[in-house]
Amino acid sequence: MYAIIKNGGKQYKVQEGDILLLDNMSLEPKASIEIKEVLAVNAGELKVGTPFVDGAVVTAEVINEGRDRKVMTFKKRRRKDSKVKRGFRRDFTRVRIIKIAA
């Protein structure tokens, strides 16, 4: 059984027991969250929502929160003496999928 959920403008395909990084939600470890934005559920047969599946809930447990590794961007325009260097670190919440209820 798997489900496709939406979080933070991104879509994730999840199964029970999966660990994934979601956008930062400022929650304590061991907290339980319910994700109701379920786009599709496959439990033998595929149910697709319009846009969400009615009554489908994915339950997850917060493991921890943290910051991802730094991603550097560098742009240079040759012969123009123009360059830009930027860094970015994403804040995340690591969760474990406990249950998918269709």
PDB file of N, CA and C in Angstrom:
ATOM      1  N   MET A   1       0.844  -1.171   0.000  1.00  0.00           N
ATOM      2  CA  MET A   1       0.000   0.000   0.000  1.00  0.00           C
ATOM      3  C   MET A   1       0.894   1.239   0.000  1.00  0.00           C
ATOM      4  N   TYR A   2       0.562   2.196  -0.851  1.00  0.00           N
ATOM      5  CA  TYR A   2       1.296   3.450  -0.866  1.00  0.00           C
ATOM      6  C   TYR A   2       0.320   4.601  -1.075  1.00  0.00           C
ATOM      7  N   ALA A   3       0.804   5.798  -0.775  1.00  0.00           N
ATOM      8  CA  ALA A   3      -0.003   7.000  -0.954  1.00  0.00           C
ATOM      9  C   ALA A   3       0.882   8.094  -1.524  1.00  0.00           C
ATOM     10  N   ILE A   4       0.269   9.024  -2.208  1.00  0.00           N
ATOM     11  CA  ILE A   4       0.974  10.201  -2.701  1.00  0.00           C
ATOM     12  C   ILE A   4       0.418  11.390  -1.936  1.00  0.00           C
ATOM     13  N   ILE A   5       1.311  12.076  -1.198  1.00  0.00           N
ATOM     14  CA  ILE A   5       0.887  13.188  -0.361  1.00  0.00           C
ATOM     15  C   ILE A   5       1.497  14.484  -0.870  1.00  0.00           C
ATOM     16  N   LYS A   6       0.904  15.593  -0.433  1.00  0.00           N
ATOM     17  CA  LYS A   6       1.388  16.913  -0.805  1.00  0.00           C
ATOM     18  C   LYS A   6       1.812  17.635   0.460  1.00  0.00           C
ATOM     19  N   ASN A   7       3.015  18.237   0.435  1.00  0.00           N
ATOM     20  CA  ASN A   7       3.488  19.015   1.576  1.00  0.00           C
ATOM     21  C   ASN A   7       4.441  20.084   1.063  1.00  0.00           C
ATOM     22  N   GLY A   8       4.145  21.324   1.355  1.00  0.00           N
ATOM     23  CA  GLY A   8       5.038  22.413   0.990  1.00  0.00           C
ATOM     24  C   GLY A   8       5.213  22.593  -0.506  1.00  0.00           C
ATOM     25  N   GLY A   9       4.171  22.320  -1.292  1.00  0.00           N
ATOM     26  CA  GLY A   9       4.269  22.492  -2.729  1.00  0.00           C
ATOM     27  C   GLY A   9       4.967  21.348  -3.439  1.00  0.00           C
ATOM     28  N   LYS A  10       5.341  20.310  -2.703  1.00  0.00           N
ATOM     29  CA  LYS A  10       6.004  19.147  -3.290  1.00  0.00           C
ATOM     30  C   LYS A  10       5.146  17.905  -3.052  1.00  0.00           C
ATOM     31  N   GLN A  11       5.347  16.895  -3.884  1.00  0.00           N
ATOM     32  CA  GLN A  11       4.597  15.661  -3.748  1.00  0.00           C
ATOM     33  C   GLN A  11       5.554  14.527  -3.392  1.00  0.00           C
ATOM     34  N   TYR A  12       5.115  13.643  -2.505  1.00  0.00           N
ATOM     35  CA  TYR A  12       5.931  12.530  -2.035  1.00  0.00           C
ATOM     36  C   TYR A  12       5.137  11.235  -2.155  1.00  0.00           C
ATOM     37  N   LYS A  13       5.794  10.183  -2.629  1.00  0.00           N
ATOM     38  CA  LYS A  13       5.196   8.846  -2.631  1.00  0.00           C
ATOM     39  C   LYS A  13       5.690   8.146  -1.369  1.00  0.00           C
ATOM     40  N   VAL A  14       4.771   7.737  -0.491  1.00  0.00           N
ATOM     41  CA  VAL A  14       5.152   7.188   0.808  1.00  0.00           C
ATOM     42  C   VAL A  14       4.503   5.836   1.039  1.00  0.00           C
ATOM     43  N   GLN A  15       5.203   5.003   1.808  1.00  0.00           N
ATOM     44  CA  GLN A  15       4.690   3.730   2.306  1.00  0.00           C
ATOM     45  C   GLN A  15       4.871   3.718   3.806  1.00  0.00           C
ATOM     46  N   GLU A  16       4.228   2.780   4.485  1.00  0.00           N
ATOM     47  CA  GLU A  16       4.384   2.686   5.932  1.00  0.00           C
ATOM     48  C   GLU A  16       5.825   2.335   6.260  1.00  0.00           C
ATOM     49  N   GLY A  17       6.400   3.048   7.227  1.00  0.00           N
ATOM     50  CA  GLY A  17       7.779   2.826   7.628  1.00  0.00           C
ATOM     51  C   GLY A  17       8.777   3.724   6.926  1.00  0.00           C
ATOM     52  N   ASP A  18       8.378   4.466   5.898  1.00  0.00           N
ATOM     53  CA  ASP A  18       9.292   5.364   5.188  1.00  0.00           C
ATOM     54  C   ASP A  18       9.684   6.530   6.086  1.00  0.00           C
ATOM     55  N   ILE A  19      10.914   7.022   5.865  1.00  0.00           N
ATOM     56  CA  ILE A  19      11.405   8.216   6.548  1.00  0.00           C
ATOM     57  C   ILE A  19      11.652   9.261   5.478  1.00  0.00           C
ATOM     58  N   LEU A  20      11.092  10.456   5.673  1.00  0.00           N
ATOM     59  CA  LEU A  20      11.294  11.490   4.674  1.00  0.00           C
ATOM     60  C   LEU A  20      11.475  12.844   5.328  1.00  0.00           C
ATOM     61  N   LEU A  21      12.035  13.781   4.557  1.00  0.00           N
ATOM     62  CA  LEU A  21      12.295  15.130   5.023  1.00  0.00           C
ATOM     63  C   LEU A  21      11.221  16.057   4.464  1.00  0.00           C
ATOM     64  N   LEU A  22      10.430  16.641   5.349  1.00  0.00           N
ATOM     65  CA  LEU A  22       9.408  17.606   4.955  1.00  0.00           C
ATOM     66  C   LEU A  22       9.884  19.001   5.322  1.00  0.00           C
ATOM     67  N   ASP A  23       9.186  20.016   4.831  1.00  0.00           N
ATOM     68  CA  ASP A  23       9.515  21.379   5.205  1.00  0.00           C
ATOM     69  C   ASP A  23       9.325  21.555   6.705  1.00  0.00           C
ATOM     70  N   ASN A  24      10.056  22.511   7.274  1.00  0.00           N
ATOM     71  CA  ASN A  24      10.069  22.704   8.722  1.00  0.00           C
ATOM     72  C   ASN A  24       8.664  23.005   9.252  1.00  0.00           C
ATOM     73  N   MET A  25       8.257  22.259  10.309  1.00  0.00           N
ATOM     74  CA  MET A  25       6.936  22.436  10.901  1.00  0.00           C
ATOM     75  C   MET A  25       7.000  22.880  12.356  1.00  0.00           C
ATOM     76  N   SER A  26       8.196  23.043  12.929  1.00  0.00           N
ATOM     77  CA  SER A  26       8.390  23.482  14.315  1.00  0.00           C
ATOM     78  C   SER A  26       7.618  22.623  15.304  1.00  0.00           C
ATOM     79  N   LEU A  27       7.864  21.307  15.274  1.00  0.00           N
ATOM     80  CA  LEU A  27       7.209  20.365  16.176  1.00  0.00           C
ATOM     81  C   LEU A  27       8.247  19.668  17.041  1.00  0.00           C
ATOM     82  N   GLU A  28       7.807  19.185  18.174  1.00  0.00           N
ATOM     83  CA  GLU A  28       8.676  18.452  19.089  1.00  0.00           C
ATOM     84  C   GLU A  28       8.879  17.015  18.592  1.00  0.00           C
ATOM     85  N   PRO A  29      10.022  16.396  18.901  1.00  0.00           N
ATOM     86  CA  PRO A  29      10.207  14.979  18.567  1.00  0.00           C
ATOM     87  C   PRO A  29       9.148  14.123  19.255  1.00  0.00           C
ATOM     88  N   LYS A  30       8.789  13.017  18.628  1.00  0.00           N
ATOM     89  CA  LYS A  30       7.766  12.064  19.085  1.00  0.00           C
ATOM     90  C   LYS A  30       6.339  12.592  18.903  1.00  0.00           C
ATOM     91  N   ALA A  31       6.185  13.800  18.345  1.00  0.00           N
ATOM     92  CA  ALA A  31       4.839  14.321  18.094  1.00  0.00           C
ATOM     93  C   ALA A  31       4.232  13.594  16.903  1.00  0.00           C
ATOM     94  N   SER A  32       2.927  13.464  16.914  1.00  0.00           N
ATOM     95  CA  SER A  32       2.227  12.787  15.831  1.00  0.00           C
ATOM     96  C   SER A  32       1.519  13.832  14.981  1.00  0.00           C
ATOM     97  N   ILE A  33       1.603  13.683  13.654  1.00  0.00           N
ATOM     98  CA  ILE A  33       0.923  14.611  12.761  1.00  0.00           C
ATOM     99  C   ILE A  33       0.066  13.816  11.787  1.00  0.00           C
ATOM    100  N   GLU A  34      -1.006  14.429  11.350  1.00  0.00           N
ATOM    101  CA  GLU A  34      -1.883  13.818  10.358  1.00  0.00           C
ATOM    102  C   GLU A  34      -1.837  14.671   9.103  1.00  0.00           C
ATOM    103  N   ILE A  35      -1.538  14.033   7.984  1.00  0.00           N
ATOM    104  CA  ILE A  35      -1.481  14.718   6.704  1.00  0.00           C
ATOM    105  C   ILE A  35      -2.757  14.363   5.951  1.00  0.00           C
ATOM    106  N   LYS A  36      -3.588  15.370   5.711  1.00  0.00           N
ATOM    107  CA  LYS A  36      -4.879  15.134   5.063  1.00  0.00           C
ATOM    108  C   LYS A  36      -4.848  15.457   3.584  1.00  0.00           C
ATOM    109  N   GLU A  37      -3.752  16.040   3.103  1.00  0.00           N
ATOM    110  CA  GLU A  37      -3.625  16.365   1.686  1.00  0.00           C
ATOM    111  C   GLU A  37      -3.087  15.144   0.940  1.00  0.00           C
ATOM    112  N   VAL A  38      -3.935  14.134   0.778  1.00  0.00           N
ATOM    113  CA  VAL A  38      -3.574  12.885   0.119  1.00  0.00           C
ATOM    114  C   VAL A  38      -4.116  12.936  -1.308  1.00  0.00           C
ATOM    115  N   LEU A  39      -3.229  12.889  -2.281  1.00  0.00           N
ATOM    116  CA  LEU A  39      -3.625  13.013  -3.683  1.00  0.00           C
ATOM    117  C   LEU A  39      -4.083  11.685  -4.273  1.00  0.00           C
ATOM    118  N   ALA A  40      -3.469  10.573  -3.838  1.00  0.00           N
ATOM    119  CA  ALA A  40      -3.828   9.253  -4.364  1.00  0.00           C
ATOM    120  C   ALA A  40      -3.474   8.192  -3.340  1.00  0.00           C
ATOM    121  N   VAL A  41      -4.242   7.103  -3.347  1.00  0.00           N
ATOM    122  CA  VAL A  41      -3.985   5.960  -2.463  1.00  0.00           C
ATOM    123  C   VAL A  41      -4.103   4.694  -3.293  1.00  0.00           C
ATOM    124  N   ASN A  42      -3.130   3.793  -3.138  1.00  0.00           N
ATOM    125  CA  ASN A  42      -3.179   2.497  -3.818  1.00  0.00           C
ATOM    126  C   ASN A  42      -3.209   1.410  -2.760  1.00  0.00           C
ATOM    127  N   ALA A  43      -4.374   0.799  -2.587  1.00  0.00           N
ATOM    128  CA  ALA A  43      -4.539  -0.323  -1.669  1.00  0.00           C
ATOM    129  C   ALA A  43      -5.152  -1.468  -2.467  1.00  0.00           C
ATOM    130  N   GLY A  44      -4.393  -1.984  -3.415  1.00  0.00           N
ATOM    131  CA  GLY A  44      -4.930  -2.988  -4.317  1.00  0.00           C
ATOM    132  C   GLY A  44      -5.464  -2.341  -5.586  1.00  0.00           C
ATOM    133  N   GLU A  45      -6.235  -1.284  -5.426  1.00  0.00           N
ATOM    134  CA  GLU A  45      -6.685  -0.510  -6.578  1.00  0.00           C
ATOM    135  C   GLU A  45      -6.423   0.967  -6.302  1.00  0.00           C
ATOM    136  N   LEU A  46      -6.119   1.705  -7.343  1.00  0.00           N
ATOM    137  CA  LEU A  46      -5.715   3.104  -7.216  1.00  0.00           C
ATOM    138  C   LEU A  46      -6.936   4.008  -7.090  1.00  0.00           C
ATOM    139  N   LYS A  47      -6.941   4.835  -6.022  1.00  0.00           N
ATOM    140  CA  LYS A  47      -7.969   5.859  -5.843  1.00  0.00           C
ATOM    141  C   LYS A  47      -7.288   7.214  -5.995  1.00  0.00           C
ATOM    142  N   VAL A  48      -7.767   8.000  -6.962  1.00  0.00           N
ATOM    143  CA  VAL A  48      -7.199   9.319  -7.206  1.00  0.00           C
ATOM    144  C   VAL A  48      -8.223  10.357  -6.797  1.00  0.00           C
ATOM    145  N   GLY A  49      -7.772  11.372  -6.058  1.00  0.00           N
ATOM    146  CA  GLY A  49      -8.675  12.403  -5.584  1.00  0.00           C
ATOM    147  C   GLY A  49      -8.823  13.549  -6.560  1.00  0.00           C
ATOM    148  N   THR A  50      -9.802  14.413  -6.294  1.00  0.00           N
ATOM    149  CA  THR A  50     -10.018  15.595  -7.117  1.00  0.00           C
ATOM    150  C   THR A  50     -10.146  16.822  -6.227  1.00  0.00           C
ATOM    151  N   PRO A  51      -9.149  17.469  -5.719  1.00  0.00           N
ATOM    152  CA  PRO A  51      -7.741  17.122  -5.804  1.00  0.00           C
ATOM    153  C   PRO A  51      -7.296  16.147  -4.719  1.00  0.00           C
ATOM    154  N   PHE A  52      -8.081  16.010  -3.613  1.00  0.00           N
ATOM    155  CA  PHE A  52      -7.674  15.135  -2.518  1.00  0.00           C
ATOM    156  C   PHE A  52      -8.660  13.986  -2.366  1.00  0.00           C
ATOM    157  N   VAL A  53      -8.167  12.843  -1.865  1.00  0.00           N
ATOM    158  CA  VAL A  53      -9.012  11.678  -1.633  1.00  0.00           C
ATOM    159  C   VAL A  53      -9.807  11.914  -0.343  1.00  0.00           C
ATOM    160  N   ASP A  54     -11.125  11.749  -0.419  1.00  0.00           N
ATOM    161  CA  ASP A  54     -11.984  11.973   0.747  1.00  0.00           C
ATOM    162  C   ASP A  54     -11.733  10.905   1.810  1.00  0.00           C
ATOM    163  N   GLY A  55     -11.514  11.342   3.050  1.00  0.00           N
ATOM    164  CA  GLY A  55     -11.351  10.426   4.170  1.00  0.00           C
ATOM    165  C   GLY A  55      -9.984   9.787   4.288  1.00  0.00           C
ATOM    166  N   ALA A  56      -9.076  10.068   3.376  1.00  0.00           N
ATOM    167  CA  ALA A  56      -7.731   9.475   3.443  1.00  0.00           C
ATOM    168  C   ALA A  56      -6.840  10.323   4.338  1.00  0.00           C
ATOM    169  N   VAL A  57      -6.129   9.645   5.245  1.00  0.00           N
ATOM    170  CA  VAL A  57      -5.242  10.325   6.185  1.00  0.00           C
ATOM    171  C   VAL A  57      -3.953   9.531   6.294  1.00  0.00           C
ATOM    172  N   VAL A  58      -2.829  10.234   6.275  1.00  0.00           N
ATOM    173  CA  VAL A  58      -1.524   9.617   6.501  1.00  0.00           C
ATOM    174  C   VAL A  58      -1.034  10.114   7.853  1.00  0.00           C
ATOM    175  N   THR A  59      -0.737   9.184   8.756  1.00  0.00           N
ATOM    176  CA  THR A  59      -0.253   9.525  10.090  1.00  0.00           C
ATOM    177  C   THR A  59       1.258   9.351  10.132  1.00  0.00           C
ATOM    178  N   ALA A  60       1.943  10.361  10.675  1.00  0.00           N
ATOM    179  CA  ALA A  60       3.399  10.334  10.739  1.00  0.00           C
ATOM    180  C   ALA A  60       3.858  10.760  12.127  1.00  0.00           C
ATOM    181  N   GLU A  61       5.069  10.313  12.486  1.00  0.00           N
ATOM    182  CA  GLU A  61       5.673  10.664  13.772  1.00  0.00           C
ATOM    183  C   GLU A  61       6.942  11.462  13.515  1.00  0.00           C
ATOM    184  N   VAL A  62       7.108  12.573  14.228  1.00  0.00           N
ATOM    185  CA  VAL A  62       8.281  13.422  14.060  1.00  0.00           C
ATOM    186  C   VAL A  62       9.480  12.747  14.719  1.00  0.00           C
ATOM    187  N   ILE A  63      10.572  12.622  13.964  1.00  0.00           N
ATOM    188  CA  ILE A  63      11.806  12.064  14.523  1.00  0.00           C
ATOM    189  C   ILE A  63      12.674  13.191  15.078  1.00  0.00           C
ATOM    190  N   ASN A  64      12.994  14.169  14.236  1.00  0.00           N
ATOM    191  CA  ASN A  64      13.762  15.328  14.675  1.00  0.00           C
ATOM    192  C   ASN A  64      13.642  16.445  13.651  1.00  0.00           C
ATOM    193  N   GLU A  65      14.248  17.574  13.965  1.00  0.00           N
ATOM    194  CA  GLU A  65      14.309  18.702  13.050  1.00  0.00           C
ATOM    195  C   GLU A  65      15.767  19.072  12.871  1.00  0.00           C
ATOM    196  N   GLY A  66      16.086  19.680  11.758  1.00  0.00           N
ATOM    197  CA  GLY A  66      17.467  20.057  11.516  1.00  0.00           C
ATOM    198  C   GLY A  66      17.604  20.929  10.292  1.00  0.00           C
ATOM    199  N   ARG A  67      18.858  21.069   9.858  1.00  0.00           N
ATOM    200  CA  ARG A  67      19.159  21.850   8.669  1.00  0.00           C
ATOM    201  C   ARG A  67      19.942  20.974   7.709  1.00  0.00           C
ATOM    202  N   ASP A  68      19.606  21.089   6.441  1.00  0.00           N
ATOM    203  CA  ASP A  68      20.250  20.312   5.394  1.00  0.00           C
ATOM    204  C   ASP A  68      21.648  20.865   5.125  1.00  0.00           C
ATOM    205  N   ARG A  69      22.418  20.146   4.301  1.00  0.00           N
ATOM    206  CA  ARG A  69      23.751  20.638   3.966  1.00  0.00           C
ATOM    207  C   ARG A  69      23.637  21.860   3.065  1.00  0.00           C
ATOM    208  N   LYS A  70      24.678  22.665   3.033  1.00  0.00           N
ATOM    209  CA  LYS A  70      24.641  23.917   2.290  1.00  0.00           C
ATOM    210  C   LYS A  70      24.745  23.662   0.795  1.00  0.00           C
ATOM    211  N   VAL A  71      23.917  24.357   0.046  1.00  0.00           N
ATOM    212  CA  VAL A  71      23.946  24.300  -1.407  1.00  0.00           C
ATOM    213  C   VAL A  71      24.454  25.650  -1.882  1.00  0.00           C
ATOM    214  N   MET A  72      25.519  25.635  -2.687  1.00  0.00           N
ATOM    215  CA  MET A  72      26.117  26.875  -3.174  1.00  0.00           C
ATOM    216  C   MET A  72      25.702  27.111  -4.619  1.00  0.00           C
ATOM    217  N   THR A  73      25.368  28.377  -4.933  1.00  0.00           N
ATOM    218  CA  THR A  73      25.117  28.759  -6.318  1.00  0.00           C
ATOM    219  C   THR A  73      26.124  29.835  -6.680  1.00  0.00           C
ATOM    220  N   PHE A  74      26.661  29.759  -7.880  1.00  0.00           N
ATOM    221  CA  PHE A  74      27.655  30.732  -8.334  1.00  0.00           C
ATOM    222  C   PHE A  74      27.348  31.084  -9.773  1.00  0.00           C
ATOM    223  N   LYS A  75      27.156  32.373 -10.034  1.00  0.00           N
ATOM    224  CA  LYS A  75      26.893  32.845 -11.382  1.00  0.00           C
ATOM    225  C   LYS A  75      28.006  33.800 -11.770  1.00  0.00           C
ATOM    226  N   LYS A  76      28.521  33.628 -12.970  1.00  0.00           N
ATOM    227  CA  LYS A  76      29.569  34.516 -13.460  1.00  0.00           C
ATOM    228  C   LYS A  76      29.294  34.848 -14.909  1.00  0.00           C
ATOM    229  N   ARG A  77      29.372  36.121 -15.205  1.00  0.00           N
ATOM    230  CA  ARG A  77      29.229  36.558 -16.589  1.00  0.00           C
ATOM    231  C   ARG A  77      30.608  36.952 -17.082  1.00  0.00           C
ATOM    232  N   ARG A  78      31.111  36.219 -18.045  1.00  0.00           N
ATOM    233  CA  ARG A  78      32.491  36.436 -18.457  1.00  0.00           C
ATOM    234  C   ARG A  78      32.674  37.801 -19.121  1.00  0.00           C
ATOM    235  N   ARG A  79      33.796  38.376 -18.853  1.00  0.00           N
ATOM    236  CA  ARG A  79      34.218  39.683 -19.376  1.00  0.00           C
ATOM    237  C   ARG A  79      33.334  40.831 -18.906  1.00  0.00           C
ATOM    238  N   LYS A  80      32.504  40.637 -17.916  1.00  0.00           N
ATOM    239  CA  LYS A  80      31.620  41.704 -17.431  1.00  0.00           C
ATOM    240  C   LYS A  80      31.954  42.117 -15.999  1.00  0.00           C
ATOM    241  N   ASP A  81      32.894  41.444 -15.371  1.00  0.00           N
ATOM    242  CA  ASP A  81      33.243  41.689 -13.973  1.00  0.00           C
ATOM    243  C   ASP A  81      31.990  41.592 -13.085  1.00  0.00           C
ATOM    244  N   SER A  82      31.175  40.566 -13.353  1.00  0.00           N
ATOM    245  CA  SER A  82      29.939  40.368 -12.610  1.00  0.00           C
ATOM    246  C   SER A  82      29.902  38.932 -12.113  1.00  0.00           C
ATOM    247  N   LYS A  83      29.813  38.772 -10.804  1.00  0.00           N
ATOM    248  CA  LYS A  83      29.680  37.428 -10.248  1.00  0.00           C
ATOM    249  C   LYS A  83      28.873  37.493  -8.961  1.00  0.00           C
ATOM    250  N   VAL A  84      28.119  36.410  -8.700  1.00  0.00           N
ATOM    251  CA  VAL A  84      27.257  36.320  -7.535  1.00  0.00           C
ATOM    252  C   VAL A  84      27.454  34.940  -6.917  1.00  0.00           C
ATOM    253  N   LYS A  85      27.723  34.902  -5.621  1.00  0.00           N
ATOM    254  CA  LYS A  85      27.848  33.631  -4.911  1.00  0.00           C
ATOM    255  C   LYS A  85      26.860  33.651  -3.753  1.00  0.00           C
ATOM    256  N   ARG A  86      25.998  32.624  -3.714  1.00  0.00           N
ATOM    257  CA  ARG A  86      24.985  32.535  -2.668  1.00  0.00           C
ATOM    258  C   ARG A  86      24.964  31.139  -2.089  1.00  0.00           C
ATOM    259  N   GLY A  87      24.635  31.042  -0.818  1.00  0.00           N
ATOM    260  CA  GLY A  87      24.481  29.748  -0.167  1.00  0.00           C
ATOM    261  C   GLY A  87      23.070  29.620   0.391  1.00  0.00           C
ATOM    262  N   PHE A  88      22.629  28.376   0.549  1.00  0.00           N
ATOM    263  CA  PHE A  88      21.276  28.123   1.032  1.00  0.00           C
ATOM    264  C   PHE A  88      21.279  26.840   1.850  1.00  0.00           C
ATOM    265  N   ARG A  89      20.653  26.891   3.034  1.00  0.00           N
ATOM    266  CA  ARG A  89      20.460  25.693   3.853  1.00  0.00           C
ATOM    267  C   ARG A  89      18.983  25.560   4.164  1.00  0.00           C
ATOM    268  N   ARG A  90      18.430  24.404   3.828  1.00  0.00           N
ATOM    269  CA  ARG A  90      17.003  24.153   4.008  1.00  0.00           C
ATOM    270  C   ARG A  90      16.744  23.634   5.424  1.00  0.00           C
ATOM    271  N   ASP A  91      15.742  24.198   6.097  1.00  0.00           N
ATOM    272  CA  ASP A  91      15.271  23.671   7.377  1.00  0.00           C
ATOM    273  C   ASP A  91      14.292  22.545   7.089  1.00  0.00           C
ATOM    274  N   PHE A  92      14.408  21.436   7.822  1.00  0.00           N
ATOM    275  CA  PHE A  92      13.534  20.298   7.552  1.00  0.00           C
ATOM    276  C   PHE A  92      13.027  19.684   8.844  1.00  0.00           C
ATOM    277  N   THR A  93      11.973  18.897   8.701  1.00  0.00           N
ATOM    278  CA  THR A  93      11.441  18.052   9.767  1.00  0.00           C
ATOM    279  C   THR A  93      11.481  16.618   9.254  1.00  0.00           C
ATOM    280  N   ARG A  94      12.209  15.748   9.946  1.00  0.00           N
ATOM    281  CA  ARG A  94      12.310  14.340   9.537  1.00  0.00           C
ATOM    282  C   ARG A  94      11.173  13.571  10.199  1.00  0.00           C
ATOM    283  N   VAL A  95      10.369  12.880   9.375  1.00  0.00           N
ATOM    284  CA  VAL A  95       9.216  12.147   9.893  1.00  0.00           C
ATOM    285  C   VAL A  95       9.264  10.691   9.424  1.00  0.00           C
ATOM    286  N   ARG A  96       8.605   9.818  10.216  1.00  0.00           N
ATOM    287  CA  ARG A  96       8.436   8.405   9.851  1.00  0.00           C
ATOM    288  C   ARG A  96       6.947   8.177   9.642  1.00  0.00           C
ATOM    289  N   ILE A  97       6.603   7.557   8.505  1.00  0.00           N
ATOM    290  CA  ILE A  97       5.211   7.281   8.198  1.00  0.00           C
ATOM    291  C   ILE A  97       4.756   6.075   9.031  1.00  0.00           C
ATOM    292  N   ILE A  98       3.714   6.270   9.822  1.00  0.00           N
ATOM    293  CA  ILE A  98       3.224   5.229  10.732  1.00  0.00           C
ATOM    294  C   ILE A  98       2.075   4.448  10.083  1.00  0.00           C
ATOM    295  N   LYS A  99       1.097   5.183   9.524  1.00  0.00           N
ATOM    296  CA  LYS A  99      -0.111   4.516   9.056  1.00  0.00           C
ATOM    297  C   LYS A  99      -0.721   5.277   7.886  1.00  0.00           C
ATOM    298  N   ILE A 100      -1.231   4.511   6.916  1.00  0.00           N
ATOM    299  CA  ILE A 100      -1.967   5.093   5.792  1.00  0.00           C
ATOM    300  C   ILE A 100      -3.398   4.565   5.892  1.00  0.00           C
ATOM    301  N   ALA A 101      -4.326   5.470   6.096  1.00  0.00           N
ATOM    302  CA  ALA A 101      -5.741   5.080   6.215  1.00  0.00           C
ATOM    303  C   ALA A 101      -6.497   5.611   5.008  1.00  0.00           C
ATOM    304  N   ALA A 102      -7.072   4.688   4.237  1.00  0.00           N
ATOM    305  CA  ALA A 102      -7.839   5.107   3.064  1.00  0.00           C
ATOM    306  C   ALA A 102      -9.295   5.137   3.448  1.00  0.00           C
TER     307      ALA A 102
END
